[in-house]
Structures are given as structure tokens and as C-alpha cells.
Amino acid sequence: MTVLILTGEQDVTADMVVLHLNATSVPVVRLDPADLTAGAELSGEYAGGSFHGHLSCAGRVVGLSGLRSVWVRRPGVPAARAAEPSAWLTEESAQALYGMLRGCGARWMNDPDAARRARVKPWQLRLAQYCGLPVPATLITTFPQAARDFAARHPDLVVKPVSGAHPQEPPRAVPTSRVAPEADFGAVAYGPTLLQQRVAKRADIRLTAVGDTLLAARKETPPDADPDEVDVRFSSAGTPWLPAEVPSRVAAAVRRYLGEARLAYGAFDFAQDADGLWWFLECNQSGQFGFVEVETGQPIARTIAEWLARPAAPGAAA
């Protein structure tokens, strides 16, 4: 039984997992959907009440019935490298590929439908509340007066994108920024704006969830840190990521979140305040983990490889 990884050719994070799969002699095939019709091929036949499908890439052919799991890591846009790419060809290729894979009985990390929904930030915030994770006071609005009223109730705010990275090629990360005290908020009328109460952080927390396994890392905020540096991705602080224990209440809430979201993998970001409370910021359903593993030594890649390699009962999600 083979593990299929849907990702681009240059993906060091996927490479880390492949090393563990190779070490245990688990067959692996990597496919970038962008290569469909330009080096990668697929075929599926529905006849006599049964389905038989095959994928061909990098000189290898794999039967879809022989897949044990599919890791949707960082796949490219289907057929993007075709001789004559088009929106029509992309849609045709996406439906053909993911439609066939959905019918092969493999385990998903993560199911494409669940992953698409899990990327939506407002949905994340409401699900986190429902599952018992503390969420900083947040407003998403196009009403300037609503923003002004919110700022009056919560004077210390940050602003962040609703949808995440800016959709250019390659995608550009948009940093979370502190809102100036004199902000007028008139510009929110031109597009949905996400305002959130700033957490005075004692530390940033990255919790990587793989199935039922939770691996947390903590990055201490220096006492003299610039309060305007609210986004850990762009922080100048040199403090390292260190392994951290997951409070039992957080663990229970995170597992509930994963179950409700139908996710087998999630990279959760929290801000820990001075009282030790973990405030939910977001969950990236395909978030990076390599930097955490390198600094902490936590076996994230091995844990993912083990999840992908093991068999599961029909219908199992994690």
C-alpha cells in the first residue's frame, strides 16, 4: 500500500516526512497536480459496479486502490504547467483528480472539502469558541462606526487579513499589525477588516496536532520586546522555540476542534498571556512544522509519517 503526497517539487517539509517513510520501507509517490497533462497522467474507469484508477508521475504508475493515505501538503493548481493552461482545464483536472481520489478509500490528511472550510478565518473563530478555546475579542466589519465603537471598548487592537496570505505568486504573507491609537477606521468601508484585541503576550505557542497526538512549542516574549511586534513570524526576538506541555483543557478543546472540523492535521497558533491562558489565534490546516522540529527536536515529521503509514478502519478520520 502506497502513500500519495500532493505537493510541489520544492517542499523541504514534505522531504522530512518522506525520509521517515523510506526508512520504514513504505512506498511513497509524490505528485504535483500542476503537472497534470504535462508529465503526470491519470485514468479511471467506472464499469460493472466497480472503479479502477491509476496515476502516473515521475516514471511511476500507482493504482488508486493501492493507496493507503493521501497527504494534501502544498499542491499546485491543477494543470497549471499544461501546454495551454486555462481556468477550464484547471477545473476539469481538479474534478478528475480529487474526484477519483475521493472514491479510492484512502485516508486523508486533510480531506479537501474539510480543508477548504477550515481555511476560513471567521469559521475558525466561531468553531474555537464552540470548542471551548478562548478567543480575543474580534470584529470583522465594513462599517467604520462599528470599528470605532469596537476600538472604544478595546483600545489596544491589532489588524490582520481575513483570508490569510495575499493571493499573488508566490503568496505573500501579510503581517498582523498593531492599530495606531489615532486610527480613524474610515478605510474599513472599502473591504472587510478584521480587528482583534491585542493579547499582551508572555509567549507564542505553536501546537501541532497529528491525529490524536499534540506537540506544543513555546517561544518566550522578552520583557523588553517591542509591543508593536505582534506577529511572531516577523519578530526580531532571538528567543528559541522550546517544547511545552499542553494544558489538559486546551488538549480537550483542540481535539474537539479537530473532530468538528474533520481534520487529521492542524497547526494551531496561540498567544499565552501573563496569567498563563492560551488565546486561540488561528489553525492552519497545512501549516509548516519544520522550523519547530529543528529547534525543539520534537518528532513531528515521524509522527506524520506514522499516521500516513498505518492502516485504518473504513471511515476512520484520525
C-alpha atoms as a PDB file:
ATOM      1  CA  MET A   1       0.000   0.000   0.000  1.00  0.00           C
ATOM      2  CA  THR A   2       1.312   3.405  -1.089  1.00  0.00           C
ATOM      3  CA  VAL A   3       1.279   6.893   0.456  1.00  0.00           C
ATOM      4  CA  LEU A   4       0.437   9.652  -2.030  1.00  0.00           C
ATOM      5  CA  ILE A   5       1.753  13.149  -1.254  1.00  0.00           C
ATOM      6  CA  LEU A   6       0.235  16.024  -3.199  1.00  0.00           C
ATOM      7  CA  THR A   7       2.788  18.825  -3.128  1.00  0.00           C
ATOM      8  CA  GLY A   8       5.241  20.828  -5.206  1.00  0.00           C
ATOM      9  CA  GLU A   9       8.705  19.575  -6.077  1.00  0.00           C
ATOM     10  CA  GLN A  10      10.463  22.043  -3.763  1.00  0.00           C
ATOM     11  CA  ASP A  11       8.928  21.158  -0.395  1.00  0.00           C
ATOM     12  CA  VAL A  12      11.505  20.567   2.316  1.00  0.00           C
ATOM     13  CA  THR A  13       8.768  19.923   4.866  1.00  0.00           C
ATOM     14  CA  ALA A  14       7.447  17.016   2.792  1.00  0.00           C
ATOM     15  CA  ASP A  15      11.019  15.777   2.341  1.00  0.00           C
ATOM     16  CA  MET A  16      11.317  15.376   6.118  1.00  0.00           C
ATOM     17  CA  VAL A  17       8.311  13.049   6.177  1.00  0.00           C
ATOM     18  CA  VAL A  18       9.430  11.101   3.101  1.00  0.00           C
ATOM     19  CA  LEU A  19      12.716  10.276   4.842  1.00  0.00           C
ATOM     20  CA  HIS A  20      10.813   8.537   7.646  1.00  0.00           C
ATOM     21  CA  LEU A  21       8.533   6.695   5.221  1.00  0.00           C
ATOM     22  CA  ASN A  22      11.536   5.496   3.224  1.00  0.00           C
ATOM     23  CA  ALA A  23      13.260   4.335   6.412  1.00  0.00           C
ATOM     24  CA  THR A  24      10.319   2.051   7.149  1.00  0.00           C
ATOM     25  CA  SER A  25      10.030   0.858   3.515  1.00  0.00           C
ATOM     26  CA  VAL A  26       6.604   2.417   2.995  1.00  0.00           C
ATOM     27  CA  PRO A  27       6.107   3.142  -0.738  1.00  0.00           C
ATOM     28  CA  VAL A  28       5.653   6.845  -1.494  1.00  0.00           C
ATOM     29  CA  VAL A  29       4.550   8.694  -4.633  1.00  0.00           C
ATOM     30  CA  ARG A  30       4.740  12.480  -4.871  1.00  0.00           C
ATOM     31  CA  LEU A  31       2.505  14.290  -7.320  1.00  0.00           C
ATOM     32  CA  ASP A  32       2.121  17.981  -8.002  1.00  0.00           C
ATOM     33  CA  PRO A  33      -1.343  18.466  -9.533  1.00  0.00           C
ATOM     34  CA  ALA A  34       0.189  21.327 -11.521  1.00  0.00           C
ATOM     35  CA  ASP A  35       1.930  18.668 -13.643  1.00  0.00           C
ATOM     36  CA  LEU A  36      -1.283  17.070 -14.902  1.00  0.00           C
ATOM     37  CA  THR A  37      -1.150  16.811 -18.713  1.00  0.00           C
ATOM     38  CA  ALA A  38       2.483  17.995 -18.518  1.00  0.00           C
ATOM     39  CA  GLY A  39       4.248  14.875 -17.241  1.00  0.00           C
ATOM     40  CA  ALA A  40       1.607  13.449 -14.923  1.00  0.00           C
ATOM     41  CA  GLU A  41      -1.321  11.367 -16.131  1.00  0.00           C
ATOM     42  CA  LEU A  42      -4.439   9.847 -14.636  1.00  0.00           C
ATOM     43  CA  SER A  43      -7.118   7.414 -15.690  1.00  0.00           C
ATOM     44  CA  GLY A  44     -10.202   5.983 -14.019  1.00  0.00           C
ATOM     45  CA  GLU A  45     -12.828   3.527 -15.244  1.00  0.00           C
ATOM     46  CA  TYR A  46     -16.274   3.047 -13.740  1.00  0.00           C
ATOM     47  CA  ALA A  47     -17.812  -0.166 -15.030  1.00  0.00           C
ATOM     48  CA  GLY A  48     -19.603  -3.250 -13.786  1.00  0.00           C
ATOM     49  CA  GLY A  49     -20.301  -1.648 -10.417  1.00  0.00           C
ATOM     50  CA  SER A  50     -16.625  -1.094  -9.665  1.00  0.00           C
ATOM     51  CA  PHE A  51     -13.909   1.548 -10.114  1.00  0.00           C
ATOM     52  CA  HIS A  52     -10.310   1.117 -11.252  1.00  0.00           C
ATOM     53  CA  GLY A  53      -7.985   4.116 -11.398  1.00  0.00           C
ATOM     54  CA  HIS A  54      -4.304   4.831 -11.970  1.00  0.00           C
ATOM     55  CA  LEU A  55      -1.897   7.750 -11.624  1.00  0.00           C
ATOM     56  CA  SER A  56       1.402   8.096 -13.460  1.00  0.00           C
ATOM     57  CA  CYS A  57       4.113  10.558 -12.419  1.00  0.00           C
ATOM     58  CA  ALA A  58       7.905  10.638 -12.400  1.00  0.00           C
ATOM     59  CA  GLY A  59       8.019   7.336 -14.285  1.00  0.00           C
ATOM     60  CA  ARG A  60       5.886   5.508 -11.709  1.00  0.00           C
ATOM     61  CA  VAL A  61       2.368   4.131 -12.043  1.00  0.00           C
ATOM     62  CA  VAL A  62       0.232   3.582  -8.953  1.00  0.00           C
ATOM     63  CA  GLY A  63      -3.217   2.062  -8.733  1.00  0.00           C
ATOM     64  CA  LEU A  64      -5.651   4.172  -6.741  1.00  0.00           C
ATOM     65  CA  SER A  65      -6.967   1.077  -4.992  1.00  0.00           C
ATOM     66  CA  GLY A  66      -3.439   0.603  -3.640  1.00  0.00           C
ATOM     67  CA  LEU A  67      -3.324   3.942  -1.801  1.00  0.00           C
ATOM     68  CA  ARG A  68      -3.395   3.779   1.993  1.00  0.00           C
ATOM     69  CA  SER A  69      -3.366   7.545   2.563  1.00  0.00           C
ATOM     70  CA  VAL A  70      -3.219  10.890   0.765  1.00  0.00           C
ATOM     71  CA  TRP A  71      -1.372  13.844   2.282  1.00  0.00           C
ATOM     72  CA  VAL A  72      -2.590  17.114   0.767  1.00  0.00           C
ATOM     73  CA  ARG A  73       0.502  19.077   1.663  1.00  0.00           C
ATOM     74  CA  ARG A  74       1.046  22.083  -0.682  1.00  0.00           C
ATOM     75  CA  PRO A  75      -0.410  21.036  -4.047  1.00  0.00           C
ATOM     76  CA  GLY A  76      -0.108  23.319  -7.051  1.00  0.00           C
ATOM     77  CA  VAL A  77      -3.049  24.489  -9.141  1.00  0.00           C
ATOM     78  CA  PRO A  78      -4.135  21.503 -11.249  1.00  0.00           C
ATOM     79  CA  ALA A  79      -2.766  21.607 -14.809  1.00  0.00           C
ATOM     80  CA  ALA A  80      -1.001  24.935 -14.212  1.00  0.00           C
ATOM     81  CA  ARG A  81       2.002  23.686 -16.217  1.00  0.00           C
ATOM     82  CA  ALA A  82      -0.035  22.390 -19.142  1.00  0.00           C
ATOM     83  CA  ALA A  83       0.977  23.458 -22.639  1.00  0.00           C
ATOM     84  CA  GLU A  84      -2.132  25.642 -22.817  1.00  0.00           C
ATOM     85  CA  PRO A  85      -3.359  26.243 -19.234  1.00  0.00           C
ATOM     86  CA  SER A  86      -6.814  27.680 -18.673  1.00  0.00           C
ATOM     87  CA  ALA A  87      -9.411  28.030 -15.935  1.00  0.00           C
ATOM     88  CA  TRP A  88     -11.464  25.375 -17.742  1.00  0.00           C
ATOM     89  CA  LEU A  89      -8.592  22.886 -17.823  1.00  0.00           C
ATOM     90  CA  THR A  90      -7.839  23.554 -14.161  1.00  0.00           C
ATOM     91  CA  GLU A  91     -11.431  22.828 -13.157  1.00  0.00           C
ATOM     92  CA  GLU A  92     -11.587  19.702 -15.316  1.00  0.00           C
ATOM     93  CA  SER A  93      -8.287  18.424 -13.895  1.00  0.00           C
ATOM     94  CA  ALA A  94      -9.213  19.228 -10.292  1.00  0.00           C
ATOM     95  CA  GLN A  95     -12.524  17.394 -10.532  1.00  0.00           C
ATOM     96  CA  ALA A  96     -10.913  14.418 -12.249  1.00  0.00           C
ATOM     97  CA  LEU A  97      -8.044  14.082  -9.761  1.00  0.00           C
ATOM     98  CA  TYR A  98      -9.778  14.784  -6.471  1.00  0.00           C
ATOM     99  CA  GLY A  99     -12.973  13.077  -7.570  1.00  0.00           C
ATOM    100  CA  MET A 100     -11.130   9.841  -8.303  1.00  0.00           C
ATOM    101  CA  LEU A 101      -9.105  10.041  -5.113  1.00  0.00           C
ATOM    102  CA  ARG A 102     -12.243  10.543  -3.034  1.00  0.00           C
ATOM    103  CA  GLY A 103     -13.526   7.216  -4.267  1.00  0.00           C
ATOM    104  CA  CYS A 104     -10.423   5.140  -3.601  1.00  0.00           C
ATOM    105  CA  GLY A 105     -10.917   4.578   0.154  1.00  0.00           C
ATOM    106  CA  ALA A 106      -7.607   6.138   1.232  1.00  0.00           C
ATOM    107  CA  ARG A 107      -7.250   8.115   4.480  1.00  0.00           C
ATOM    108  CA  TRP A 108      -6.861  11.873   4.056  1.00  0.00           C
ATOM    109  CA  MET A 109      -4.579  14.410   5.689  1.00  0.00           C
ATOM    110  CA  ASN A 110      -6.614  16.522   5.186  1.00  0.00           C
ATOM    111  CA  ASP A 111      -9.848  15.834   3.319  1.00  0.00           C
ATOM    112  CA  PRO A 112     -10.024  18.557   0.616  1.00  0.00           C
ATOM    113  CA  ASP A 113     -13.579  19.608   1.465  1.00  0.00           C
ATOM    114  CA  ALA A 114     -12.801  19.852   5.171  1.00  0.00           C
ATOM    115  CA  ALA A 115      -9.538  21.665   4.439  1.00  0.00           C
ATOM    116  CA  ARG A 116     -11.263  24.238   2.244  1.00  0.00           C
ATOM    117  CA  ARG A 117     -13.715  25.094   5.012  1.00  0.00           C
ATOM    118  CA  ALA A 118     -11.002  25.022   7.685  1.00  0.00           C
ATOM    119  CA  ARG A 119      -9.095  27.818   5.938  1.00  0.00           C
ATOM    120  CA  VAL A 120     -11.930  30.302   6.531  1.00  0.00           C
ATOM    121  CA  LYS A 121     -10.907  32.547   9.445  1.00  0.00           C
ATOM    122  CA  PRO A 122     -14.380  33.637  10.676  1.00  0.00           C
ATOM    123  CA  TRP A 123     -15.454  29.982  10.739  1.00  0.00           C
ATOM    124  CA  GLN A 124     -12.305  29.102  12.709  1.00  0.00           C
ATOM    125  CA  LEU A 125     -13.034  31.727  15.343  1.00  0.00           C
ATOM    126  CA  ARG A 126     -16.598  30.543  15.885  1.00  0.00           C
ATOM    127  CA  LEU A 127     -15.558  26.893  15.987  1.00  0.00           C
ATOM    128  CA  ALA A 128     -12.822  27.696  18.526  1.00  0.00           C
ATOM    129  CA  GLN A 129     -15.398  29.393  20.751  1.00  0.00           C
ATOM    130  CA  TYR A 130     -17.752  26.439  20.378  1.00  0.00           C
ATOM    131  CA  CYS A 131     -14.990  24.009  21.366  1.00  0.00           C
ATOM    132  CA  GLY A 132     -14.022  25.975  24.474  1.00  0.00           C
ATOM    133  CA  LEU A 133     -10.890  27.783  23.272  1.00  0.00           C
ATOM    134  CA  PRO A 134     -10.585  31.414  24.472  1.00  0.00           C
ATOM    135  CA  VAL A 135     -10.709  33.840  21.525  1.00  0.00           C
ATOM    136  CA  PRO A 136      -9.645  37.502  21.841  1.00  0.00           C
ATOM    137  CA  ALA A 137     -12.464  39.989  21.223  1.00  0.00           C
ATOM    138  CA  THR A 138     -12.686  40.223  17.420  1.00  0.00           C
ATOM    139  CA  LEU A 139     -14.628  42.329  14.936  1.00  0.00           C
ATOM    140  CA  ILE A 140     -14.888  41.780  11.173  1.00  0.00           C
ATOM    141  CA  THR A 141     -16.628  44.743   9.577  1.00  0.00           C
ATOM    142  CA  THR A 142     -17.066  47.154   6.705  1.00  0.00           C
ATOM    143  CA  PHE A 143     -18.820  49.695   8.967  1.00  0.00           C
ATOM    144  CA  PRO A 144     -16.398  52.447  10.074  1.00  0.00           C
ATOM    145  CA  GLN A 145     -18.586  53.363  13.032  1.00  0.00           C
ATOM    146  CA  ALA A 146     -18.678  49.741  14.207  1.00  0.00           C
ATOM    147  CA  ALA A 147     -14.874  49.741  14.113  1.00  0.00           C
ATOM    148  CA  ARG A 148     -14.729  52.986  16.092  1.00  0.00           C
ATOM    149  CA  ASP A 149     -17.140  51.653  18.702  1.00  0.00           C
ATOM    150  CA  PHE A 150     -15.150  48.427  18.974  1.00  0.00           C
ATOM    151  CA  ALA A 151     -11.907  50.406  19.416  1.00  0.00           C
ATOM    152  CA  ALA A 152     -13.534  52.443  22.181  1.00  0.00           C
ATOM    153  CA  ARG A 153     -14.329  49.219  24.061  1.00  0.00           C
ATOM    154  CA  HIS A 154     -10.975  47.603  23.257  1.00  0.00           C
ATOM    155  CA  PRO A 155      -8.390  50.395  22.911  1.00  0.00           C
ATOM    156  CA  ASP A 156      -5.406  48.119  22.169  1.00  0.00           C
ATOM    157  CA  LEU A 157      -6.074  46.431  18.814  1.00  0.00           C
ATOM    158  CA  VAL A 158      -4.311  44.594  16.018  1.00  0.00           C
ATOM    159  CA  VAL A 159      -5.447  44.302  12.407  1.00  0.00           C
ATOM    160  CA  LYS A 160      -4.970  41.196  10.289  1.00  0.00           C
ATOM    161  CA  PRO A 161      -6.248  39.883   6.950  1.00  0.00           C
ATOM    162  CA  VAL A 162      -9.470  37.908   6.964  1.00  0.00           C
ATOM    163  CA  SER A 163      -8.267  35.461   4.321  1.00  0.00           C
ATOM    164  CA  GLY A 164      -4.576  34.996   5.154  1.00  0.00           C
ATOM    165  CA  ALA A 165      -1.805  35.334   2.580  1.00  0.00           C
ATOM    166  CA  HIS A 166      -2.155  37.746  -0.328  1.00  0.00           C
ATOM    167  CA  PRO A 167      -3.007  35.694  -3.461  1.00  0.00           C
ATOM    168  CA  GLN A 168      -0.004  36.545  -5.592  1.00  0.00           C
ATOM    169  CA  GLU A 169       2.536  34.041  -6.931  1.00  0.00           C
ATOM    170  CA  PRO A 170       4.207  33.062  -4.733  1.00  0.00           C
ATOM    171  CA  PRO A 171       1.705  34.019  -1.990  1.00  0.00           C
ATOM    172  CA  ARG A 172       2.880  36.876   0.220  1.00  0.00           C
ATOM    173  CA  ALA A 173       2.381  36.739   3.980  1.00  0.00           C
ATOM    174  CA  VAL A 174       0.553  39.776   5.318  1.00  0.00           C
ATOM    175  CA  PRO A 175       1.735  40.542   8.865  1.00  0.00           C
ATOM    176  CA  THR A 176      -0.554  41.178  11.797  1.00  0.00           C
ATOM    177  CA  SER A 177      -0.040  44.833  12.782  1.00  0.00           C
ATOM    178  CA  ARG A 178      -0.865  46.951  15.791  1.00  0.00           C
ATOM    179  CA  VAL A 179      -3.512  49.621  15.220  1.00  0.00           C
ATOM    180  CA  ALA A 180      -2.393  53.167  15.915  1.00  0.00           C
ATOM    181  CA  PRO A 181      -4.323  54.897  18.745  1.00  0.00           C
ATOM    182  CA  GLU A 182      -5.327  57.735  16.402  1.00  0.00           C
ATOM    183  CA  ALA A 183      -6.718  55.430  13.677  1.00  0.00           C
ATOM    184  CA  ASP A 184      -9.892  56.793  12.054  1.00  0.00           C
ATOM    185  CA  PHE A 185     -11.162  53.469  10.596  1.00  0.00           C
ATOM    186  CA  GLY A 186     -12.816  55.192   7.620  1.00  0.00           C
ATOM    187  CA  ALA A 187     -10.969  52.856   5.226  1.00  0.00           C
ATOM    188  CA  VAL A 188     -12.745  49.739   6.506  1.00  0.00           C
ATOM    189  CA  ALA A 189     -15.640  50.720   4.238  1.00  0.00           C
ATOM    190  CA  TYR A 190     -13.562  49.569   1.258  1.00  0.00           C
ATOM    191  CA  GLY A 191     -13.197  45.952   2.365  1.00  0.00           C
ATOM    192  CA  PRO A 192     -13.840  43.595   5.292  1.00  0.00           C
ATOM    193  CA  THR A 193     -11.386  44.355   8.089  1.00  0.00           C
ATOM    194  CA  LEU A 194     -10.517  42.048  10.984  1.00  0.00           C
ATOM    195  CA  LEU A 195      -9.756  43.869  14.222  1.00  0.00           C
ATOM    196  CA  GLN A 196      -8.762  41.924  17.318  1.00  0.00           C
ATOM    197  CA  GLN A 197      -7.899  42.826  20.877  1.00  0.00           C
ATOM    198  CA  ARG A 198      -4.131  42.563  21.322  1.00  0.00           C
ATOM    199  CA  VAL A 199      -3.000  39.917  23.786  1.00  0.00           C
ATOM    200  CA  ALA A 200      -0.122  41.145  25.952  1.00  0.00           C
ATOM    201  CA  LYS A 201       1.922  38.039  25.252  1.00  0.00           C
ATOM    202  CA  ARG A 202       4.182  36.239  27.645  1.00  0.00           C
ATOM    203  CA  ALA A 203       4.857  33.753  24.866  1.00  0.00           C
ATOM    204  CA  ASP A 204       3.772  32.481  21.474  1.00  0.00           C
ATOM    205  CA  ILE A 205       2.580  28.886  21.274  1.00  0.00           C
ATOM    206  CA  ARG A 206       2.590  26.659  18.196  1.00  0.00           C
ATOM    207  CA  LEU A 207       0.645  23.446  18.774  1.00  0.00           C
ATOM    208  CA  THR A 208       0.978  20.855  16.016  1.00  0.00           C
ATOM    209  CA  ALA A 209      -1.796  18.269  16.023  1.00  0.00           C
ATOM    210  CA  VAL A 210      -1.328  14.989  14.141  1.00  0.00           C
ATOM    211  CA  GLY A 211      -4.336  12.784  14.657  1.00  0.00           C
ATOM    212  CA  ASP A 212      -4.632  12.416  18.423  1.00  0.00           C
ATOM    213  CA  THR A 213      -1.008  13.451  19.073  1.00  0.00           C
ATOM    214  CA  LEU A 214      -0.439  17.038  20.240  1.00  0.00           C
ATOM    215  CA  LEU A 215       3.054  18.555  20.155  1.00  0.00           C
ATOM    216  CA  ALA A 216       3.383  22.095  21.512  1.00  0.00           C
ATOM    217  CA  ALA A 217       6.271  24.531  21.339  1.00  0.00           C
ATOM    218  CA  ARG A 218       6.661  27.811  23.195  1.00  0.00           C
ATOM    219  CA  LYS A 219       8.612  30.964  22.241  1.00  0.00           C
ATOM    220  CA  GLU A 220       9.118  33.305  25.197  1.00  0.00           C
ATOM    221  CA  THR A 221       8.461  37.011  24.660  1.00  0.00           C
ATOM    222  CA  PRO A 222      11.404  39.015  26.082  1.00  0.00           C
ATOM    223  CA  PRO A 223      10.482  41.549  28.777  1.00  0.00           C
ATOM    224  CA  ASP A 224      11.902  44.358  26.618  1.00  0.00           C
ATOM    225  CA  ALA A 225      10.159  43.236  23.420  1.00  0.00           C
ATOM    226  CA  ASP A 226       8.681  45.955  21.200  1.00  0.00           C
ATOM    227  CA  PRO A 227       4.891  45.823  21.794  1.00  0.00           C
ATOM    228  CA  ASP A 228       4.382  46.758  18.138  1.00  0.00           C
ATOM    229  CA  GLU A 229       5.970  43.457  17.079  1.00  0.00           C
ATOM    230  CA  VAL A 230       2.808  41.394  17.422  1.00  0.00           C
ATOM    231  CA  ASP A 231       3.421  38.869  14.633  1.00  0.00           C
ATOM    232  CA  VAL A 232       5.860  36.138  15.703  1.00  0.00           C
ATOM    233  CA  ARG A 233       6.711  35.413  12.049  1.00  0.00           C
ATOM    234  CA  PHE A 234       8.314  38.846  11.770  1.00  0.00           C
ATOM    235  CA  SER A 235       9.618  39.198  15.325  1.00  0.00           C
ATOM    236  CA  SER A 236      13.215  40.283  15.940  1.00  0.00           C
ATOM    237  CA  ALA A 237      13.331  38.415  19.267  1.00  0.00           C
ATOM    238  CA  GLY A 238      16.032  35.752  19.300  1.00  0.00           C
ATOM    239  CA  THR A 239      14.420  33.502  21.887  1.00  0.00           C
ATOM    240  CA  PRO A 240      14.202  29.855  20.769  1.00  0.00           C
ATOM    241  CA  TRP A 241      11.197  27.598  20.405  1.00  0.00           C
ATOM    242  CA  LEU A 242      11.151  25.077  23.253  1.00  0.00           C
ATOM    243  CA  PRO A 243       8.897  22.061  23.915  1.00  0.00           C
ATOM    244  CA  ALA A 244       5.855  22.854  26.056  1.00  0.00           C
ATOM    245  CA  GLU A 245       3.233  20.890  27.936  1.00  0.00           C
ATOM    246  CA  VAL A 246      -0.328  21.207  26.676  1.00  0.00           C
ATOM    247  CA  PRO A 247      -2.831  22.072  29.442  1.00  0.00           C
ATOM    248  CA  SER A 248      -5.484  19.398  29.704  1.00  0.00           C
ATOM    249  CA  ARG A 249      -8.337  21.806  28.965  1.00  0.00           C
ATOM    250  CA  VAL A 250      -6.578  23.060  25.843  1.00  0.00           C
ATOM    251  CA  ALA A 251      -5.866  19.499  24.710  1.00  0.00           C
ATOM    252  CA  ALA A 252      -9.520  18.514  25.089  1.00  0.00           C
ATOM    253  CA  ALA A 253     -10.697  21.611  23.219  1.00  0.00           C
ATOM    254  CA  VAL A 254      -8.170  21.133  20.392  1.00  0.00           C
ATOM    255  CA  ARG A 255      -9.185  17.506  19.919  1.00  0.00           C
ATOM    256  CA  ARG A 256     -12.825  18.581  19.811  1.00  0.00           C
ATOM    257  CA  TYR A 257     -11.913  21.240  17.215  1.00  0.00           C
ATOM    258  CA  LEU A 258     -10.171  18.647  15.045  1.00  0.00           C
ATOM    259  CA  GLY A 259     -13.144  16.320  15.281  1.00  0.00           C
ATOM    260  CA  GLU A 260     -15.688  19.011  14.421  1.00  0.00           C
ATOM    261  CA  ALA A 261     -13.502  20.256  11.550  1.00  0.00           C
ATOM    262  CA  ARG A 262     -12.768  16.706  10.313  1.00  0.00           C
ATOM    263  CA  LEU A 263      -9.032  17.455  10.286  1.00  0.00           C
ATOM    264  CA  ALA A 264      -6.242  14.923  10.768  1.00  0.00           C
ATOM    265  CA  TYR A 265      -3.601  17.690  10.923  1.00  0.00           C
ATOM    266  CA  GLY A 266      -3.660  21.235  12.230  1.00  0.00           C
ATOM    267  CA  ALA A 267      -1.062  23.847  13.203  1.00  0.00           C
ATOM    268  CA  PHE A 268      -2.617  25.940  15.978  1.00  0.00           C
ATOM    269  CA  ASP A 269      -1.283  29.345  16.982  1.00  0.00           C
ATOM    270  CA  PHE A 270      -1.941  30.673  20.487  1.00  0.00           C
ATOM    271  CA  ALA A 271      -0.828  33.712  22.458  1.00  0.00           C
ATOM    272  CA  GLN A 272      -0.101  33.000  26.125  1.00  0.00           C
ATOM    273  CA  ASP A 273      -0.844  35.898  28.449  1.00  0.00           C
ATOM    274  CA  ALA A 274       0.681  36.798  31.830  1.00  0.00           C
ATOM    275  CA  ASP A 275      -1.823  34.543  33.622  1.00  0.00           C
ATOM    276  CA  GLY A 276      -0.803  31.557  31.510  1.00  0.00           C
ATOM    277  CA  LEU A 277      -4.035  31.492  29.479  1.00  0.00           C
ATOM    278  CA  TRP A 278      -3.711  30.279  25.882  1.00  0.00           C
ATOM    279  CA  TRP A 279      -5.674  32.549  23.497  1.00  0.00           C
ATOM    280  CA  PHE A 280      -6.625  30.981  20.170  1.00  0.00           C
ATOM    281  CA  LEU A 281      -5.425  32.950  17.132  1.00  0.00           C
ATOM    282  CA  GLU A 282      -5.832  30.549  14.224  1.00  0.00           C
ATOM    283  CA  CYS A 283      -5.464  26.993  12.949  1.00  0.00           C
ATOM    284  CA  ASN A 284      -3.587  26.427   9.693  1.00  0.00           C
ATOM    285  CA  GLN A 285      -4.705  23.105   8.242  1.00  0.00           C
ATOM    286  CA  SER A 286      -1.482  22.794   6.222  1.00  0.00           C
ATOM    287  CA  GLY A 287       0.881  24.832   8.383  1.00  0.00           C
ATOM    288  CA  GLN A 288       4.647  24.470   8.380  1.00  0.00           C
ATOM    289  CA  PHE A 289       6.273  22.466  11.146  1.00  0.00           C
ATOM    290  CA  GLY A 290       9.899  22.112  10.051  1.00  0.00           C
ATOM    291  CA  PHE A 291      11.139  25.162  11.962  1.00  0.00           C
ATOM    292  CA  VAL A 292       9.574  23.831  15.172  1.00  0.00           C
ATOM    293  CA  GLU A 293      11.065  20.369  14.756  1.00  0.00           C
ATOM    294  CA  VAL A 294      14.525  21.748  14.012  1.00  0.00           C
ATOM    295  CA  GLU A 295      14.542  23.965  17.134  1.00  0.00           C
ATOM    296  CA  THR A 296      12.773  21.645  19.584  1.00  0.00           C
ATOM    297  CA  GLY A 297      13.674  18.176  18.350  1.00  0.00           C
ATOM    298  CA  GLN A 298      10.016  17.176  18.535  1.00  0.00           C
ATOM    299  CA  PRO A 299       9.307  14.201  16.217  1.00  0.00           C
ATOM    300  CA  ILE A 300       6.617  15.895  14.126  1.00  0.00           C
ATOM    301  CA  ALA A 301       7.739  14.503  10.756  1.00  0.00           C
ATOM    302  CA  ARG A 302       7.995  10.985  12.185  1.00  0.00           C
ATOM    303  CA  THR A 303       4.534  11.298  13.749  1.00  0.00           C
ATOM    304  CA  ILE A 304       3.053  12.366  10.407  1.00  0.00           C
ATOM    305  CA  ALA A 305       4.837   9.513   8.637  1.00  0.00           C
ATOM    306  CA  GLU A 306       3.447   7.025  11.145  1.00  0.00           C
ATOM    307  CA  TRP A 307      -0.072   8.395  10.683  1.00  0.00           C
ATOM    308  CA  LEU A 308       0.214   8.170   6.907  1.00  0.00           C
ATOM    309  CA  ALA A 309       1.688   4.668   7.030  1.00  0.00           C
ATOM    310  CA  ARG A 310      -0.740   2.952   9.335  1.00  0.00           C
ATOM    311  CA  PRO A 311      -3.896   1.211   8.128  1.00  0.00           C
ATOM    312  CA  ALA A 312      -7.253   2.421   9.343  1.00  0.00           C
ATOM    313  CA  ALA A 313     -10.716   1.030   9.688  1.00  0.00           C
ATOM    314  CA  PRO A 314     -13.133   2.152   6.938  1.00  0.00           C
ATOM    315  CA  GLY A 315     -14.450   5.609   7.688  1.00  0.00           C
ATOM    316  CA  ALA A 316     -11.715   6.461  10.220  1.00  0.00           C
ATOM    317  CA  ALA A 317     -10.621  10.109  10.143  1.00  0.00           C
ATOM    318  CA  ALA A 318      -7.664  10.168  12.518  1.00  0.00           C
END
